[in-house]
Protein backbone atom coordinates (compact mmCIF):
# COMPACT_ATOMS: atom_id res chain seq x y z
CA MET A 1 81.01 79.34 53.95
CA LYS A 2 81.17 76.29 51.66
CA LEU A 3 82.34 78.49 48.80
CA LEU A 4 85.13 79.90 50.96
CA LYS A 5 86.28 76.39 51.95
CA LEU A 6 86.21 75.30 48.31
CA SER A 7 88.28 78.33 47.31
CA PHE A 8 90.94 77.47 49.91
CA LEU A 9 90.95 73.84 48.81
CA LEU A 10 91.44 74.79 45.16
CA ALA A 11 94.16 77.29 46.04
CA GLY A 12 95.96 74.60 48.04
CA CYS A 13 95.75 72.14 45.14
CA LEU A 14 97.18 74.72 42.76
CA ALA A 15 100.04 75.48 45.13
CA VAL A 16 100.92 71.78 45.37
CA GLN A 17 100.71 71.38 41.60
CA THR A 18 103.02 74.32 40.89
CA ALA A 19 105.49 73.12 43.53
CA GLN A 20 105.91 69.84 41.63
CA ALA A 21 109.12 69.53 39.66
CA ASP A 22 109.10 68.82 35.95
CA LEU A 23 109.19 65.36 34.47
CA VAL A 24 112.29 64.67 32.39
CA ILE A 25 113.11 62.02 29.83
CA VAL A 26 116.62 60.66 30.27
CA VAL A 27 119.03 58.61 28.19
CA HIS A 28 122.55 57.26 28.52
CA PRO A 29 125.13 60.11 28.50
CA SER A 30 126.66 58.83 25.25
CA MET A 31 123.43 59.42 23.29
CA ASN A 32 124.10 62.11 20.70
CA GLU A 33 121.12 61.67 18.39
CA SER A 34 118.24 64.10 18.67
CA ILE A 35 114.95 62.42 19.43
CA THR A 36 111.57 64.12 19.21
CA ILE A 37 108.68 63.61 21.59
CA ASP A 38 106.94 61.74 18.73
CA ASP A 39 109.92 59.38 18.52
CA ILE A 40 109.64 58.82 22.27
CA SER A 41 105.95 58.04 21.91
CA ARG A 42 106.74 55.48 19.20
CA VAL A 43 109.36 53.84 21.43
CA TYR A 44 107.00 53.64 24.42
CA THR A 45 104.13 52.22 22.35
CA GLY A 46 106.20 49.56 20.62
CA ARG A 47 106.19 51.16 17.18
CA SER A 48 109.96 51.71 17.24
CA SER A 49 112.77 49.61 18.64
CA VAL A 50 115.52 52.23 18.36
CA LEU A 51 115.78 52.46 22.15
CA GLU A 52 114.85 50.21 25.06
CA PRO A 53 112.17 52.01 27.10
CA VAL A 54 111.86 51.53 30.85
CA ASN A 55 108.84 52.45 32.93
CA LEU A 56 108.11 53.16 36.53
CA SER A 57 105.56 50.84 38.14
CA ASP A 58 101.83 51.50 37.76
CA ALA A 59 101.67 52.57 41.40
CA ASN A 60 104.03 55.49 40.86
CA PRO A 61 102.15 58.75 40.06
CA ILE A 62 104.99 59.89 37.78
CA ARG A 63 104.07 57.02 35.45
CA GLY A 64 100.55 58.41 35.01
CA ALA A 65 101.93 61.89 34.38
CA PHE A 66 104.34 60.52 31.76
CA ASP A 67 101.61 58.54 30.00
CA GLU A 68 99.34 61.56 29.78
CA LYS A 69 101.86 64.33 29.10
CA ALA A 70 104.42 62.56 26.91
CA LEU A 71 102.30 59.87 25.25
CA GLY A 72 98.98 61.70 25.16
CA ARG A 73 97.07 58.74 26.61
CA THR A 74 95.87 57.62 29.99
CA SER A 75 97.65 54.80 31.77
CA SER A 76 94.60 52.60 31.15
CA GLN A 77 94.83 53.26 27.41
CA ILE A 78 98.55 52.44 27.39
CA LYS A 79 97.93 49.25 29.36
CA ALA A 80 95.19 48.20 26.91
CA HIS A 81 97.49 48.96 23.97
CA TRP A 82 100.24 46.74 25.38
CA SER A 83 97.77 43.99 26.28
CA LYS A 84 96.70 43.84 22.64
CA LEU A 85 100.31 43.72 21.40
CA VAL A 86 101.23 40.98 23.88
CA PHE A 87 98.10 38.96 23.04
CA THR A 88 98.82 39.10 19.30
CA GLY A 89 102.53 38.33 19.81
CA LYS A 90 103.61 41.67 18.38
CA GLY A 91 105.52 43.02 21.33
CA SER A 92 106.25 43.07 25.02
CA PRO A 93 105.87 46.09 27.29
CA PRO A 94 108.81 48.07 28.68
CA LYS A 95 110.62 46.82 31.76
CA GLU A 96 109.24 48.28 34.97
CA PHE A 97 111.10 49.55 37.99
CA ALA A 98 109.76 50.41 41.43
CA SER A 99 111.76 53.60 41.92
CA GLU A 100 113.23 56.50 40.01
CA GLU A 101 116.66 55.57 41.35
CA GLU A 102 116.36 52.16 39.69
CA VAL A 103 115.36 53.81 36.39
CA LEU A 104 118.34 56.16 36.60
CA ASN A 105 120.71 53.31 37.41
CA TYR A 106 119.42 51.19 34.52
CA VAL A 107 119.60 54.03 31.98
CA ALA A 108 123.08 55.03 33.19
CA ASN A 109 124.32 51.48 32.65
CA ASN A 110 122.54 50.61 29.38
CA GLU A 111 123.61 52.63 26.37
CA PHE A 112 120.42 52.27 24.30
CA SER A 113 117.84 52.72 27.06
CA ILE A 114 115.44 55.57 27.78
CA GLY A 115 113.47 56.41 30.91
CA TYR A 116 111.77 59.21 32.80
CA VAL A 117 112.01 60.65 36.30
CA ASP A 118 111.19 63.75 38.28
CA SER A 119 113.74 66.43 37.39
CA SER A 120 114.80 66.70 41.02
CA LYS A 121 116.21 63.15 40.84
CA VAL A 122 118.52 63.67 37.84
CA SER A 123 122.23 63.15 38.31
CA SER A 124 125.22 63.43 36.02
CA SER A 125 125.00 59.69 35.32
CA VAL A 126 122.31 60.33 32.68
CA LYS A 127 121.55 62.89 29.99
CA VAL A 128 118.27 64.84 29.98
CA LEU A 129 116.72 64.55 26.55
CA HIS A 130 113.41 66.39 27.08
CA THR A 131 111.51 68.17 29.81
CA VAL A 132 107.80 67.38 29.86
CA LYS A 133 105.51 69.95 31.40
């Protein structure tokens, strides 16, 4: 009986996971340069200042997904990385916004900014640069 319950639980988790929309990285619509996922990682870890990165708040689960899928690190590792840079005076972390709508609004109104949101939130006010799966 326990095995049957576990099977249903796992099946339910998989169904929720596949129902999730993709995470997309967005830029201002005027951006014409091609940027690789490695370039994005450099921007979000302070190793490049080509673009101004913006983050969702720590409480937002999309932030954790972005950190792991796009940057290849956990949110804790990213936080530790930025703490070290701030402590040594070598950088300051990206601006944070509470909602995806705020990220979209900021990116749409700031030509050299970059952010990420759930693909279901994208509007014509921004340009999708990459889809992260």
